[in-house]
Amino acid sequence: MSAPHGPGDRIVVRGLRLWAHVGVLEHERALGQWFELDLSLAWNLAAAASHDDLQQSLDYSRAIIALQRQASRIRCLTLEHWSEQMLELLEQLYGPVPVWLELRKCQAPVPGFSGIVAVQRSRHWPP
C-alpha cells in the first residue's frame, strides 16, 4: 500500500519483515509471529540527488536496523502500541520529519480469516 498524498520526495521502505512478540492472545506474545512494515519518510532529496551525497539524505539502513532491533525486544498487545513505538523511534533517528507507516500482522488469529490486518499511522504528515 502506498502512502497517502503528501510531500513530494520520499524515502520508501516496503515489505520489511519483522518477527515480534505482539498480540492480544498470550500465545502470540509468547511464541512471536511475523509482521510486515511499509514506511515513507518525506525529505527533500534534491541536494542528495544533485551531489550524490548521503549526508544530505536520510540513511534508510539506520531505520531498518533500529526497527529490527526494536522488534526483537518489544512485548505488547496491540499493533497500535507498537506502531506508536515505531513512530517514536523514527523521530529519535531523524527528528520531526513527516513519516507514514503501515504495520501488518501477517496471520491474524481469527477463525476463517486468511487476510491481513494492519494499522496505518503518520506523524508530521500533512493532511
Protein backbone atom coordinates (compact mmCIF):
# COMPACT_ATOMS: atom_id res chain seq x y z
CA MET A 1 0.00 0.00 0.00
CA SER A 2 1.39 3.38 -0.86
CA ALA A 3 1.47 6.38 1.42
CA PRO A 4 -1.26 8.97 1.09
CA HIS A 5 -0.65 12.14 -0.89
CA GLY A 6 1.73 14.47 0.84
CA PRO A 7 5.24 15.81 0.41
CA GLY A 8 6.77 15.03 -2.99
CA ASP A 9 10.19 13.48 -2.27
CA ARG A 10 10.26 10.39 -0.07
CA ILE A 11 12.48 7.59 1.14
CA VAL A 12 10.31 4.45 0.95
CA VAL A 13 10.88 1.08 2.59
CA ARG A 14 8.40 -1.64 1.60
CA GLY A 15 7.96 -5.17 2.87
CA LEU A 16 10.26 -5.04 5.91
CA ARG A 17 9.58 -8.37 7.63
CA LEU A 18 9.82 -8.27 11.41
CA TRP A 19 9.47 -11.09 13.94
CA ALA A 20 7.93 -9.81 17.17
CA HIS A 21 6.02 -10.86 20.26
CA VAL A 22 2.90 -8.74 19.78
CA GLY A 23 -0.72 -9.79 20.09
CA VAL A 24 -3.76 -9.86 22.30
CA LEU A 25 -3.58 -13.63 22.71
CA GLU A 26 -0.99 -14.90 25.18
CA HIS A 27 0.47 -17.41 22.73
CA GLU A 28 1.10 -14.61 20.20
CA ARG A 29 3.26 -12.80 22.72
CA ALA A 30 4.91 -16.00 23.96
CA LEU A 31 5.75 -17.54 20.58
CA GLY A 32 6.02 -14.48 18.35
CA GLN A 33 4.93 -14.07 14.76
CA TRP A 34 5.73 -12.28 11.50
CA PHE A 35 4.74 -8.73 10.76
CA GLU A 36 5.40 -6.62 7.69
CA LEU A 37 6.07 -2.89 7.56
CA ASP A 38 5.95 -0.25 4.83
CA LEU A 39 7.12 3.25 5.64
CA SER A 40 7.66 6.59 3.92
CA LEU A 41 9.88 9.39 5.16
CA ALA A 42 9.29 12.73 3.46
CA TRP A 43 12.53 14.55 2.74
CA ASN A 44 13.75 16.94 0.09
CA LEU A 45 16.07 14.71 -1.94
CA ALA A 46 17.22 17.36 -4.45
CA ALA A 47 20.58 18.10 -2.79
CA ALA A 48 21.40 14.41 -2.28
CA ALA A 49 20.46 13.71 -5.90
CA SER A 50 22.48 16.62 -7.30
CA HIS A 51 25.61 15.98 -5.23
CA ASP A 52 25.39 12.19 -4.80
CA ASP A 53 25.72 12.83 -1.06
CA LEU A 54 24.15 10.52 1.53
CA GLN A 55 24.72 13.16 4.20
CA GLN A 56 22.01 15.26 2.54
CA SER A 57 19.51 12.40 2.60
CA LEU A 58 18.10 10.05 5.22
CA ASP A 59 20.02 6.79 5.58
CA TYR A 60 17.25 4.17 5.44
CA SER A 61 19.60 1.46 6.73
CA ARG A 62 19.56 3.17 10.14
CA ALA A 63 15.76 2.83 10.26
CA ILE A 64 15.79 -0.80 9.15
CA ILE A 65 18.40 -1.86 11.70
CA ALA A 66 16.73 0.09 14.53
CA LEU A 67 13.28 -1.32 13.71
CA GLN A 68 14.65 -4.88 13.56
CA ARG A 69 16.28 -4.37 16.96
CA GLN A 70 13.06 -2.91 18.37
CA ALA A 71 11.03 -5.85 17.03
CA SER A 72 13.30 -8.35 18.74
CA ARG A 73 12.70 -6.67 22.11
CA ILE A 74 9.10 -5.49 22.08
CA ARG A 75 6.34 -7.26 24.01
CA CYS A 76 2.88 -5.69 23.78
CA LEU A 77 -0.76 -6.36 22.99
CA THR A 78 -1.61 -4.13 20.05
CA LEU A 79 -0.37 -3.04 16.65
CA GLU A 80 -1.43 0.44 17.69
CA HIS A 81 1.03 0.49 20.59
CA TRP A 82 3.86 -0.99 18.57
CA SER A 83 3.27 1.46 15.72
CA GLU A 84 3.49 4.32 18.23
CA GLN A 85 6.84 2.95 19.41
CA MET A 86 7.97 2.84 15.76
CA LEU A 87 6.99 6.47 15.22
CA GLU A 88 8.89 7.45 18.37
CA LEU A 89 11.96 5.53 17.21
CA LEU A 90 11.92 7.09 13.74
CA GLU A 91 11.60 10.56 15.25
CA GLN A 92 14.57 9.85 17.51
CA LEU A 93 16.61 8.82 14.46
CA TYR A 94 15.65 11.57 12.03
CA GLY A 95 13.96 14.33 14.01
CA PRO A 96 10.44 15.60 13.27
CA VAL A 97 10.34 14.57 9.60
CA PRO A 98 6.98 13.59 8.12
CA VAL A 99 6.59 9.82 8.38
CA TRP A 100 3.83 7.44 7.31
CA LEU A 101 3.71 3.73 8.04
CA GLU A 102 1.57 0.65 7.61
CA LEU A 103 2.20 -2.20 10.05
CA ARG A 104 0.63 -5.51 9.03
CA LYS A 105 0.01 -8.67 11.04
CA CYS A 106 0.60 -11.44 8.52
CA GLN A 107 -1.64 -14.07 10.13
CA ALA A 108 -4.37 -12.71 12.35
CA PRO A 109 -5.74 -15.43 14.69
CA VAL A 110 -9.34 -15.12 13.54
CA PRO A 111 -11.08 -18.36 12.51
CA GLY A 112 -11.92 -18.44 8.81
CA PHE A 113 -9.91 -15.29 8.03
CA SER A 114 -6.82 -15.55 5.85
CA GLY A 115 -6.34 -11.86 5.06
CA ILE A 116 -4.06 -9.29 6.60
CA VAL A 117 -4.84 -6.87 9.43
CA ALA A 118 -2.98 -3.56 9.52
CA VAL A 119 -2.76 -0.15 11.12
CA GLN A 120 -1.74 2.95 9.22
CA ARG A 121 -0.17 5.75 11.20
CA SER A 122 1.55 9.02 10.46
CA ARG A 123 3.36 11.76 12.25
CA HIS A 124 4.04 15.27 10.93
CA TRP A 125 2.40 14.13 7.66
CA PRO A 126 0.29 16.87 6.06
CA PRO A 127 -3.45 16.23 5.84
